[in-house]
Amino acid sequence: MTKINKAACIGGGVIGGAWAARFVLAGIDTNIFDPHPEAERIIGEVMANAERAYDMLTMAPLPPKGKLTFCKTVEEAVEGADWIQESVPERVDLKRNVITQIDAAADPKALIGSSTSGIMPTELQRDMKHPERMFVAHPYNPVYLLPLAELVGGEKTSKATLEEAKAKLTPIGMKGVIIKKEIEAFVGDRLLEAVWREGLWLIKDDICDTETLDDVIRYSFGMRWAQMGMFETYRIAGGEAGMRHFIAQFGPCLSWPWTKLMDVVDLDDALVDKIANQSDVQSGAYGFRELERIRDENLVGIMQTLKGSNGGQGWGAGKLLSDFETHLWKNAPKPEAKASDEPLRLLDIKVNPSWVDYNGHMTEYRYNQCFADAADALLRMIGVDMDYVADGHSYYTVESHVRMLAEAKLGDALYTTCQIIPSDDKKLHTFQWLHRASDGAVLATCEHLMLHVASAENKTIAAPAAILAKLKPLADAHAGLALPEAVGRHVGQKKA
């Protein structure tokens, strides 16, 4: 698969720093140049938020983090990079000069993407020696979570460059969409500008305040857009007759004088003060980084929900997250099945904010998830991975018993251990412990029984010799261990 081997970020503000986080968390060594005196602190805070978000986003094993290197010059930063992302302030002359500087110093085959929100790439590539490899890669904030990048070529950009960029974004969990023709502000920002312009008029004319306007978006069409966009949503609104009926019914409204989209609001001091003051009332209780973290938690929740929609196949950004996790699992290092007369350590996790209840304690079903993920780790260890499942065989859980002995709290690092109980060629019987990493305390246990099945026939069958060959040494090593005292317990049984 086409991939980014080394990245460079020129500019480390809100967008550039988040690009760096996306690259680093995808396992890509990344150089960054930003002359701001506090660049390392600012980008460090962005990285911390990004890692927090990824802890909530997925249980799939991320690759080892890439190395983030702060460089003193553009030339130093782009050395050896095959993807260079420019994210300097939105001024044509500044961006053009920086991109020309990048072009002169970078490998001629390196891709050069600009994070510009609206400048056409033809303007930016004017003075380049190798303009065919320069394009707009316009992301959305936060880049480390929102997976879209609009890919826009200029007059001298080759089609192969855009296709290569699209392919290279896939392994880092992003979706590149190629815009057919260059146009100022591309697609997303033109839509946002229309809503923003109308919103400014609604505030200026005292139709509503900023909080009411945001409520109208987030409690209605904003949720529809998050999963189906605009046209698919309106197709449903047309009923069984679909889009043609919708346009016939609502198309004439476009000629009515509802909006002020063609009028430019005067952002005078009075209007700026009104908007700023209303915004302070609406959100001033939260600090900047706190708002970012709240935003990230909400985005993670939306994507995880969309991942489980459409019969578990995923929808929109959730489908993309599901595909990204499949890629991560397929490329994760294969765990070694090392026989030991000690319980196997299978899973290391951390209690993140989406796992806790109103008391700050881990919710009940997350204990089950920890044990289920640990069971999956054991199966991968003996060769029952995604390819094996795709071939039509797997182990199915048929029974489990979880005991919750102590509370796990937000931020706790946890790990699981597992003892294999005597089993046979069809049955895999295990006992697991969930430990708190700081002191090794046992927080929960799980007795777990799985059967090997042929998925299509939904029938229990013996596991093949290759799987049993990896399982047997582990089971033999545990054969001499005493059975855990809780094996065979039932719900409500008193402690011995």
Protein backbone atom coordinates (compact mmCIF):
# COMPACT_ATOMS: atom_id res chain seq x y z
CA MET A 1 0.00 0.00 0.00
CA THR A 2 1.20 3.49 -0.84
CA LYS A 3 2.17 5.23 2.36
CA ILE A 4 3.90 8.28 3.78
CA ASN A 5 7.39 7.35 4.95
CA LYS A 6 8.42 10.68 6.44
CA ALA A 7 6.45 13.91 6.80
CA ALA A 8 7.32 17.55 7.27
CA CYS A 9 5.05 20.27 8.62
CA ILE A 10 5.89 23.88 7.84
CA GLY A 11 3.87 25.95 10.27
CA GLY A 12 2.73 24.57 13.61
CA GLY A 13 -0.38 26.52 14.51
CA VAL A 14 -3.85 25.06 15.07
CA ILE A 15 -3.82 23.28 11.71
CA GLY A 16 -0.11 22.53 11.29
CA GLY A 17 0.24 21.15 14.80
CA ALA A 18 -2.79 18.92 14.30
CA TRP A 19 -1.37 17.65 10.98
CA ALA A 20 1.81 16.77 12.89
CA ALA A 21 -0.24 14.89 15.49
CA ARG A 22 -2.09 12.94 12.77
CA PHE A 23 1.24 11.93 11.18
CA VAL A 24 3.03 11.07 14.43
CA LEU A 25 0.17 8.95 15.79
CA ALA A 26 0.12 7.07 12.49
CA GLY A 27 3.74 6.07 13.19
CA ILE A 28 5.33 8.55 10.79
CA ASP A 29 8.52 10.40 11.72
CA THR A 30 7.74 14.08 11.30
CA ASN A 31 9.89 17.20 11.11
CA ILE A 32 8.30 20.53 11.95
CA PHE A 33 9.38 24.13 11.46
CA ASP A 34 7.66 27.06 13.10
CA PRO A 35 9.52 30.24 14.15
CA HIS A 36 7.03 31.01 16.93
CA PRO A 37 9.01 31.21 20.22
CA GLU A 38 6.50 28.95 22.00
CA ALA A 39 5.99 26.50 19.14
CA GLU A 40 7.15 23.48 21.14
CA ARG A 41 4.75 24.24 24.01
CA ILE A 42 1.80 24.87 21.71
CA ILE A 43 2.37 21.77 19.60
CA GLY A 44 2.99 19.74 22.74
CA GLU A 45 -0.47 20.71 23.99
CA VAL A 46 -2.01 19.77 20.64
CA MET A 47 -0.22 16.40 20.76
CA ALA A 48 -1.51 15.77 24.28
CA ASN A 49 -5.10 16.42 23.20
CA ALA A 50 -4.64 14.24 20.14
CA GLU A 51 -3.30 11.31 22.16
CA ARG A 52 -6.18 11.71 24.61
CA ALA A 53 -8.64 11.62 21.70
CA TYR A 54 -7.06 8.51 20.17
CA ASP A 55 -7.25 6.73 23.53
CA MET A 56 -11.01 7.25 23.31
CA LEU A 57 -11.33 6.67 19.57
CA THR A 58 -10.13 3.12 19.11
CA MET A 59 -8.91 -0.02 20.83
CA ALA A 60 -7.08 -1.08 17.68
CA PRO A 61 -3.30 -1.13 18.19
CA LEU A 62 -1.75 2.06 16.90
CA PRO A 63 1.74 1.74 15.45
CA PRO A 64 4.66 2.98 17.56
CA LYS A 65 4.56 6.76 17.60
CA GLY A 66 6.63 8.54 15.01
CA LYS A 67 9.42 10.85 16.15
CA LEU A 68 8.55 14.55 16.19
CA THR A 69 11.59 16.73 15.49
CA PHE A 70 11.62 20.52 15.75
CA CYS A 71 13.82 22.06 13.08
CA LYS A 72 15.43 25.49 12.80
CA THR A 73 14.90 26.01 9.07
CA VAL A 74 12.53 25.01 6.29
CA GLU A 75 15.41 23.30 4.52
CA GLU A 76 16.22 21.16 7.55
CA ALA A 77 12.56 20.24 8.02
CA VAL A 78 11.89 19.03 4.47
CA GLU A 79 15.03 16.90 4.19
CA GLY A 80 14.06 13.30 3.43
CA ALA A 81 10.31 13.97 3.63
CA ASP A 82 7.98 12.51 0.98
CA TRP A 83 4.90 14.46 2.19
CA ILE A 84 5.34 18.13 3.10
CA GLN A 85 2.38 20.03 4.52
CA GLU A 86 2.46 23.83 4.45
CA SER A 87 0.24 25.49 7.08
CA VAL A 88 1.50 29.06 7.39
CA PRO A 89 -0.88 32.07 7.77
CA GLU A 90 -3.43 32.67 5.02
CA ARG A 91 -1.59 35.28 2.90
CA VAL A 92 -0.88 34.62 -0.77
CA ASP A 93 2.56 36.21 -0.80
CA LEU A 94 3.70 34.42 2.37
CA LYS A 95 2.37 31.03 1.31
CA ARG A 96 3.80 31.36 -2.21
CA ASN A 97 7.22 32.28 -0.88
CA VAL A 98 7.26 29.43 1.63
CA ILE A 99 6.08 26.87 -0.95
CA THR A 100 8.72 28.07 -3.41
CA GLN A 101 11.32 27.69 -0.64
CA ILE A 102 10.05 24.17 0.09
CA ASP A 103 10.15 23.33 -3.61
CA ALA A 104 13.79 24.38 -3.90
CA ALA A 105 14.92 22.31 -0.90
CA ALA A 106 12.74 19.18 -1.05
CA ASP A 107 13.21 15.95 -2.96
CA PRO A 108 11.72 16.60 -6.44
CA LYS A 109 9.40 13.59 -5.96
CA ALA A 110 8.06 14.73 -2.59
CA LEU A 111 4.41 15.74 -2.45
CA ILE A 112 3.73 19.31 -1.29
CA GLY A 113 0.30 19.97 0.16
CA SER A 114 -1.06 23.33 1.31
CA SER A 115 -3.56 23.68 4.12
CA THR A 116 -4.96 26.89 2.63
CA SER A 117 -8.65 27.43 3.25
CA GLY A 118 -9.36 29.20 -0.01
CA ILE A 119 -6.36 30.26 -2.13
CA MET A 120 -6.25 28.55 -5.50
CA PRO A 121 -3.24 26.26 -5.98
CA THR A 122 -2.38 27.83 -9.35
CA GLU A 123 -1.54 31.05 -7.50
CA LEU A 124 0.63 29.21 -4.98
CA GLN A 125 2.61 27.14 -7.49
CA ARG A 126 3.45 30.09 -9.76
CA ASP A 127 7.17 30.29 -8.97
CA MET A 128 7.90 26.58 -8.40
CA LYS A 129 10.42 24.51 -10.35
CA HIS A 130 8.36 21.37 -9.81
CA PRO A 131 4.76 22.62 -9.67
CA GLU A 132 3.34 19.30 -10.82
CA ARG A 133 3.72 17.86 -7.29
CA MET A 134 2.03 20.76 -5.46
CA PHE A 135 -1.66 20.72 -4.51
CA VAL A 136 -4.09 21.91 -1.86
CA ALA A 137 -4.75 19.42 0.95
CA HIS A 138 -7.40 21.35 2.85
CA PRO A 139 -8.25 19.63 6.16
CA TYR A 140 -10.80 20.35 8.86
CA ASN A 141 -10.08 21.14 12.48
CA PRO A 142 -9.08 19.07 14.41
CA VAL A 143 -7.04 17.38 11.70
CA TYR A 144 -6.12 14.49 14.00
CA LEU A 145 -9.82 13.51 14.31
CA LEU A 146 -11.78 14.86 11.35
CA PRO A 147 -10.68 12.61 8.49
CA LEU A 148 -11.43 14.65 5.36
CA ALA A 149 -8.95 16.51 3.16
CA GLU A 150 -10.04 18.30 0.00
CA LEU A 151 -7.41 17.65 -2.67
CA VAL A 152 -7.31 20.42 -5.25
CA GLY A 153 -4.84 20.66 -8.11
CA GLY A 154 -3.68 23.79 -9.90
CA GLU A 155 -3.10 24.28 -13.61
CA LYS A 156 0.30 22.58 -13.37
CA THR A 157 -0.58 19.81 -10.89
CA SER A 158 -0.46 16.32 -12.40
CA LYS A 159 -3.42 13.99 -11.98
CA ALA A 160 -1.00 11.35 -10.73
CA THR A 161 -0.05 13.65 -7.84
CA LEU A 162 -3.65 13.91 -6.66
CA GLU A 163 -4.19 10.16 -6.94
CA GLU A 164 -0.97 9.48 -5.04
CA ALA A 165 -1.97 11.94 -2.31
CA LYS A 166 -5.38 10.30 -1.98
CA ALA A 167 -3.77 6.86 -1.67
CA LYS A 168 -1.25 8.05 0.91
CA LEU A 169 -3.96 9.50 3.16
CA THR A 170 -5.82 6.20 3.51
CA PRO A 171 -3.31 4.43 5.81
CA ILE A 172 -3.42 7.35 8.27
CA GLY A 173 -7.22 7.13 8.53
CA MET A 174 -8.07 10.05 6.26
CA LYS A 175 -10.30 10.35 3.22
CA GLY A 176 -8.95 12.45 0.39
CA VAL A 177 -11.62 13.77 -1.97
CA ILE A 178 -10.37 15.09 -5.30
CA ILE A 179 -12.13 18.30 -6.36
CA LYS A 180 -12.56 18.30 -10.15
CA LYS A 181 -11.85 22.00 -10.74
CA GLU A 182 -10.01 24.56 -8.66
CA ILE A 183 -12.16 27.32 -7.25
CA GLU A 184 -11.65 29.79 -4.42
CA ALA A 185 -12.55 28.25 -1.04
CA PHE A 186 -13.06 24.85 -2.71
CA VAL A 187 -16.25 23.02 -1.60
CA GLY A 188 -16.45 22.85 2.18
CA ASP A 189 -15.55 26.44 2.93
CA ARG A 190 -17.95 27.73 0.28
CA LEU A 191 -20.76 25.93 2.08
CA LEU A 192 -19.57 27.13 5.46
CA GLU A 193 -19.21 30.70 4.20
CA ALA A 194 -22.85 30.70 3.08
CA VAL A 195 -24.05 29.57 6.51
CA TRP A 196 -21.63 31.93 8.28
CA ARG A 197 -22.76 34.93 6.20
CA GLU A 198 -26.43 34.26 6.93
CA GLY A 199 -25.62 33.69 10.60
CA LEU A 200 -23.92 37.08 10.87
CA TRP A 201 -27.02 38.78 9.48
CA LEU A 202 -29.27 36.92 11.94
CA ILE A 203 -27.14 38.18 14.82
CA LYS A 204 -26.86 41.72 13.45
CA ASP A 205 -30.63 41.99 12.94
CA ASP A 206 -31.30 40.64 16.46
CA ILE A 207 -33.24 37.66 15.15
CA CYS A 208 -31.37 35.46 17.65
CA ASP A 209 -28.15 35.32 19.66
CA THR A 210 -25.11 33.13 19.06
CA GLU A 211 -26.25 30.39 21.43
CA THR A 212 -29.69 30.10 19.83
CA LEU A 213 -28.16 29.95 16.37
CA ASP A 214 -25.78 27.19 17.44
CA ASP A 215 -28.67 25.33 19.08
CA VAL A 216 -30.63 25.43 15.83
CA ILE A 217 -27.70 23.78 14.05
CA ARG A 218 -26.67 21.18 16.60
CA TYR A 219 -30.15 20.00 17.55
CA SER A 220 -31.41 19.62 13.98
CA PHE A 221 -29.76 19.55 10.58
CA GLY A 222 -26.25 19.39 12.04
CA MET A 223 -26.95 15.84 13.22
CA ARG A 224 -28.37 14.88 9.83
CA TRP A 225 -25.37 16.29 8.00
CA ALA A 226 -22.97 14.38 10.26
CA GLN A 227 -24.08 11.06 8.84
CA MET A 228 -25.70 11.66 5.45
CA GLY A 229 -24.60 15.09 4.25
CA MET A 230 -27.00 17.33 2.34
CA PHE A 231 -28.18 15.61 -0.81
CA GLU A 232 -28.73 12.18 0.71
CA THR A 233 -30.71 13.84 3.52
CA TYR A 234 -32.87 15.69 1.01
CA ARG A 235 -33.39 12.52 -1.00
CA ILE A 236 -35.13 11.04 2.04
CA ALA A 237 -37.08 14.26 2.52
CA GLY A 238 -38.51 13.71 -0.96
CA GLY A 239 -40.22 10.54 0.24
CA GLU A 240 -40.65 7.56 -2.05
CA ALA A 241 -40.43 9.83 -5.11
CA GLY A 242 -36.91 10.83 -4.04
CA MET A 243 -34.87 13.83 -5.14
CA ARG A 244 -37.03 14.88 -8.09
CA HIS A 245 -40.03 15.33 -5.82
CA PHE A 246 -37.98 17.23 -3.24
CA ILE A 247 -36.69 19.69 -5.85
CA ALA A 248 -40.15 20.12 -7.35
CA GLN A 249 -41.58 20.89 -3.92
CA PHE A 250 -38.87 23.10 -2.46
CA GLY A 251 -36.97 24.37 -5.51
CA PRO A 252 -39.26 27.37 -6.06
CA CYS A 253 -38.40 28.61 -2.56
CA LEU A 254 -34.93 29.55 -3.80
CA SER A 255 -36.39 32.55 -5.63
CA TRP A 256 -38.07 33.85 -2.48
CA PRO A 257 -36.26 36.62 -0.55
CA TRP A 258 -35.52 34.47 2.50
CA THR A 259 -31.79 34.99 2.85
CA LYS A 260 -29.16 37.68 2.54
CA LEU A 261 -26.53 35.42 0.99
CA MET A 262 -25.61 38.01 -1.64
CA ASP A 263 -25.30 40.84 0.86
CA VAL A 264 -22.10 41.38 2.83
CA VAL A 265 -22.65 42.27 6.47
CA ASP A 266 -20.64 45.23 7.80
CA LEU A 267 -18.43 43.77 10.53
CA ASP A 268 -18.13 47.11 12.32
CA ASP A 269 -17.00 47.44 15.92
CA ALA A 270 -20.55 47.30 17.22
CA LEU A 271 -21.32 43.97 15.53
CA VAL A 272 -17.96 42.47 16.50
CA ASP A 273 -18.60 43.48 20.14
CA LYS A 274 -22.10 42.01 20.02
CA ILE A 275 -20.88 38.66 18.67
CA ALA A 276 -17.91 38.50 21.01
CA ASN A 277 -19.98 39.36 24.08
CA GLN A 278 -22.67 36.80 23.22
CA SER A 279 -19.96 34.21 22.62
CA ASP A 280 -18.44 34.97 26.03
CA VAL A 281 -21.82 34.46 27.68
CA GLN A 282 -22.33 31.23 25.73
CA SER A 283 -18.93 29.60 26.24
CA GLY A 284 -16.78 31.83 28.41
CA ALA A 285 -16.93 29.42 31.34
CA TYR A 286 -14.62 27.07 29.45
CA GLY A 287 -10.95 27.55 28.69
CA PHE A 288 -9.65 27.14 25.14
CA ARG A 289 -8.04 23.73 25.68
CA GLU A 290 -11.03 22.56 27.72
CA LEU A 291 -13.36 23.40 24.83
CA GLU A 292 -11.05 21.47 22.52
CA ARG A 293 -11.23 18.42 24.75
CA ILE A 294 -15.04 18.62 24.97
CA ARG A 295 -15.18 18.92 21.18
CA ASP A 296 -12.89 15.92 20.77
CA GLU A 297 -14.95 13.74 23.13
CA ASN A 298 -18.12 14.61 21.23
CA LEU A 299 -16.52 13.89 17.85
CA VAL A 300 -15.21 10.55 19.09
CA GLY A 301 -18.67 9.61 20.34
CA ILE A 302 -20.28 10.54 17.01
CA MET A 303 -17.74 8.55 15.00
CA GLN A 304 -18.03 5.52 17.25
CA THR A 305 -21.81 5.61 16.95
CA LEU A 306 -21.59 5.89 13.17
CA LYS A 307 -19.11 2.99 13.16
CA GLY A 308 -21.81 0.74 14.56
CA SER A 309 -24.62 1.93 12.27
CA ASN A 310 -25.89 0.34 9.05
CA GLY A 311 -26.00 -3.14 10.52
CA GLY A 312 -22.50 -2.81 11.92
CA GLN A 313 -21.01 -1.89 8.54
CA GLY A 314 -20.59 1.75 9.50
CA TRP A 315 -21.71 4.96 7.84
CA GLY A 316 -19.91 8.16 6.89
CA ALA A 317 -16.97 8.91 9.16
CA GLY A 318 -17.84 5.78 11.16
CA LYS A 319 -17.26 3.58 8.11
CA LEU A 320 -13.93 5.32 7.58
CA LEU A 321 -12.99 4.68 11.22
CA SER A 322 -13.95 1.01 10.82
CA ASP A 323 -11.77 0.72 7.71
CA PHE A 324 -8.90 2.46 9.52
CA GLU A 325 -9.15 0.02 12.44
CA THR A 326 -9.13 -2.91 10.01
CA HIS A 327 -5.92 -1.50 8.52
CA LEU A 328 -4.41 -1.10 12.01
CA TRP A 329 -5.24 -4.67 13.01
CA LYS A 330 -3.87 -6.11 9.78
CA ASN A 331 -0.61 -4.23 10.19
CA ALA A 332 -0.21 -4.73 13.92
CA PRO A 333 2.76 -6.86 15.01
CA LYS A 334 1.73 -10.48 15.53
CA PRO A 335 1.92 -11.34 19.25
CA GLU A 336 4.29 -14.17 20.02
CA ALA A 337 2.86 -17.26 21.67
CA LYS A 338 5.55 -17.77 24.32
CA ALA A 339 4.79 -20.60 26.72
CA SER A 340 5.17 -19.72 30.38
CA ASP A 341 4.01 -21.15 33.67
CA GLU A 342 2.79 -17.64 34.59
CA PRO A 343 -0.56 -16.20 33.44
CA LEU A 344 -0.27 -14.48 30.06
CA ARG A 345 -0.26 -10.68 30.02
CA LEU A 346 -2.52 -9.87 27.07
CA LEU A 347 -3.77 -6.30 27.19
CA ASP A 348 -2.64 -2.90 28.47
CA ILE A 349 -5.25 -0.15 28.50
CA LYS A 350 -6.13 3.15 30.12
CA VAL A 351 -9.51 4.30 31.44
CA ASN A 352 -10.48 7.20 29.20
CA PRO A 353 -13.30 9.73 29.66
CA SER A 354 -15.81 7.89 27.48
CA TRP A 355 -15.49 4.84 29.78
CA VAL A 356 -16.63 6.46 33.03
CA ASP A 357 -19.99 7.22 34.60
CA TYR A 358 -21.11 10.27 36.57
CA ASN A 359 -18.99 9.12 39.54
CA GLY A 360 -15.82 9.03 37.48
CA HIS A 361 -15.74 5.22 37.73
CA MET A 362 -15.47 2.80 34.83
CA THR A 363 -18.92 1.64 33.72
CA GLU A 364 -19.90 -2.02 33.98
CA TYR A 365 -19.83 -2.91 30.31
CA ARG A 366 -16.28 -1.59 29.93
CA TYR A 367 -15.09 -4.36 32.25
CA ASN A 368 -16.62 -6.79 29.78
CA GLN A 369 -14.94 -4.96 26.92
CA CYS A 370 -11.53 -5.26 28.59
CA PHE A 371 -11.96 -9.02 28.93
CA ALA A 372 -13.35 -9.39 25.40
CA ASP A 373 -10.41 -7.45 23.95
CA ALA A 374 -8.01 -9.58 25.98
CA ALA A 375 -9.68 -12.72 24.60
CA ASP A 376 -9.19 -11.33 21.09
CA ALA A 377 -5.51 -10.78 21.90
CA LEU A 378 -5.19 -14.44 22.94
CA LEU A 379 -6.87 -15.55 19.71
CA ARG A 380 -4.50 -13.44 17.60
CA MET A 381 -1.62 -15.01 19.52
CA ILE A 382 -2.65 -18.48 18.32
CA GLY A 383 -3.36 -17.36 14.74
CA VAL A 384 -7.07 -16.57 14.89
CA ASP A 385 -6.77 -13.15 13.27
CA MET A 386 -8.94 -11.20 10.82
CA ASP A 387 -7.74 -13.22 7.84
CA TYR A 388 -8.61 -16.43 9.67
CA VAL A 389 -12.10 -15.14 10.44
CA ALA A 390 -12.53 -14.02 6.82
CA ASP A 391 -11.78 -17.60 5.75
CA GLY A 392 -14.90 -18.74 7.62
CA HIS A 393 -13.76 -19.94 11.06
CA SER A 394 -13.58 -18.36 14.48
CA TYR A 395 -14.05 -18.87 18.21
CA TYR A 396 -17.43 -17.77 19.56
CA THR A 397 -18.03 -16.83 23.18
CA VAL A 398 -20.77 -19.02 24.64
CA GLU A 399 -20.46 -18.21 28.35
CA SER A 400 -18.70 -15.79 30.69
CA HIS A 401 -18.87 -14.74 34.31
CA VAL A 402 -17.46 -11.37 35.37
CA ARG A 403 -16.85 -10.39 38.98
CA MET A 404 -16.28 -6.69 39.75
CA LEU A 405 -14.13 -6.48 42.86
CA ALA A 406 -12.91 -2.88 42.93
CA GLU A 407 -13.40 0.37 41.06
CA ALA A 408 -11.35 1.56 38.10
CA LYS A 409 -11.23 5.33 37.84
CA LEU A 410 -10.64 7.85 35.09
CA GLY A 411 -7.01 7.81 33.98
CA ASP A 412 -6.13 4.47 35.63
CA ALA A 413 -3.72 2.30 33.65
CA LEU A 414 -4.93 -1.31 33.57
CA TYR A 415 -3.69 -4.65 32.29
CA THR A 416 -5.08 -8.16 32.01
CA THR A 417 -3.59 -11.57 32.70
CA CYS A 418 -4.98 -14.91 31.57
CA GLN A 419 -4.71 -18.55 32.62
CA ILE A 420 -5.75 -21.26 30.18
CA ILE A 421 -8.00 -23.79 31.88
CA PRO A 422 -7.83 -27.40 30.54
CA SER A 423 -9.59 -27.35 27.15
CA ASP A 424 -9.89 -29.52 24.04
CA ASP A 425 -9.80 -29.14 20.25
CA LYS A 426 -13.23 -27.45 20.15
CA LYS A 427 -13.31 -25.64 23.49
CA LEU A 428 -11.13 -22.81 24.80
CA HIS A 429 -11.65 -22.19 28.51
CA THR A 430 -9.83 -19.31 30.20
CA PHE A 431 -9.74 -17.32 33.42
CA GLN A 432 -8.72 -13.66 33.34
CA TRP A 433 -7.79 -11.00 35.86
CA LEU A 434 -8.02 -7.23 35.38
CA HIS A 435 -5.29 -5.40 37.31
CA ARG A 436 -4.59 -1.80 38.17
CA ALA A 437 -1.09 -1.10 36.86
CA SER A 438 -0.01 1.21 39.67
CA ASP A 439 -0.20 -1.47 42.38
CA GLY A 440 -1.21 -4.70 40.62
CA ALA A 441 -4.51 -4.84 42.53
CA VAL A 442 -7.14 -7.13 41.01
CA LEU A 443 -10.19 -5.09 40.01
CA ALA A 444 -12.20 -7.81 38.28
CA THR A 445 -12.07 -11.41 37.05
CA CYS A 446 -13.70 -13.21 34.15
CA GLU A 447 -14.19 -16.90 33.49
CA HIS A 448 -14.62 -17.26 29.76
CA LEU A 449 -15.65 -20.15 27.49
CA MET A 450 -15.32 -20.09 23.70
CA LEU A 451 -16.11 -22.73 21.06
CA HIS A 452 -14.43 -23.09 17.69
CA VAL A 453 -16.98 -22.83 14.88
CA ALA A 454 -17.41 -22.90 11.13
CA SER A 455 -19.15 -19.57 10.65
CA ALA A 456 -21.18 -20.35 7.53
CA GLU A 457 -22.64 -23.54 9.01
CA ASN A 458 -22.82 -22.04 12.52
CA LYS A 459 -21.51 -25.38 13.69
CA THR A 460 -18.93 -26.30 16.31
CA ILE A 461 -15.93 -28.06 14.76
CA ALA A 462 -12.40 -28.93 15.83
CA ALA A 463 -9.81 -26.20 15.38
CA PRO A 464 -7.24 -26.98 12.65
CA ALA A 465 -3.87 -28.41 13.54
CA ALA A 466 -2.04 -25.11 12.89
CA ILE A 467 -4.11 -23.32 15.56
CA LEU A 468 -3.87 -26.17 18.07
CA ALA A 469 -0.11 -26.31 17.54
CA LYS A 470 0.16 -22.75 18.88
CA LEU A 471 -2.41 -23.23 21.60
CA LYS A 472 -1.10 -26.52 23.01
CA PRO A 473 2.26 -25.24 24.38
CA LEU A 474 0.44 -22.40 26.17
CA ALA A 475 -2.14 -24.78 27.64
CA ASP A 476 0.53 -27.33 28.62
CA ALA A 477 2.51 -24.62 30.41
CA HIS A 478 -0.58 -23.75 32.47
CA ALA A 479 -1.60 -27.35 33.13
CA GLY A 480 0.37 -27.45 36.37
CA LEU A 481 -1.14 -24.24 37.76
CA ALA A 482 -3.76 -24.49 40.47
CA LEU A 483 -7.22 -23.56 39.31
CA PRO A 484 -8.20 -20.01 40.32
CA GLU A 485 -10.45 -20.09 43.39
CA ALA A 486 -13.28 -18.42 41.45
CA VAL A 487 -13.49 -20.98 38.63
CA GLY A 488 -17.00 -22.36 38.45
CA ARG A 489 -18.56 -19.67 40.62
CA HIS A 490 -22.15 -18.62 40.00
CA VAL A 491 -23.87 -15.29 40.47
CA GLY A 492 -24.51 -14.52 44.14
CA GLN A 493 -22.31 -17.30 45.50
CA LYS A 494 -20.83 -16.32 48.84
CA LYS A 495 -17.08 -16.02 49.19
CA ALA A 496 -15.38 -19.03 50.64
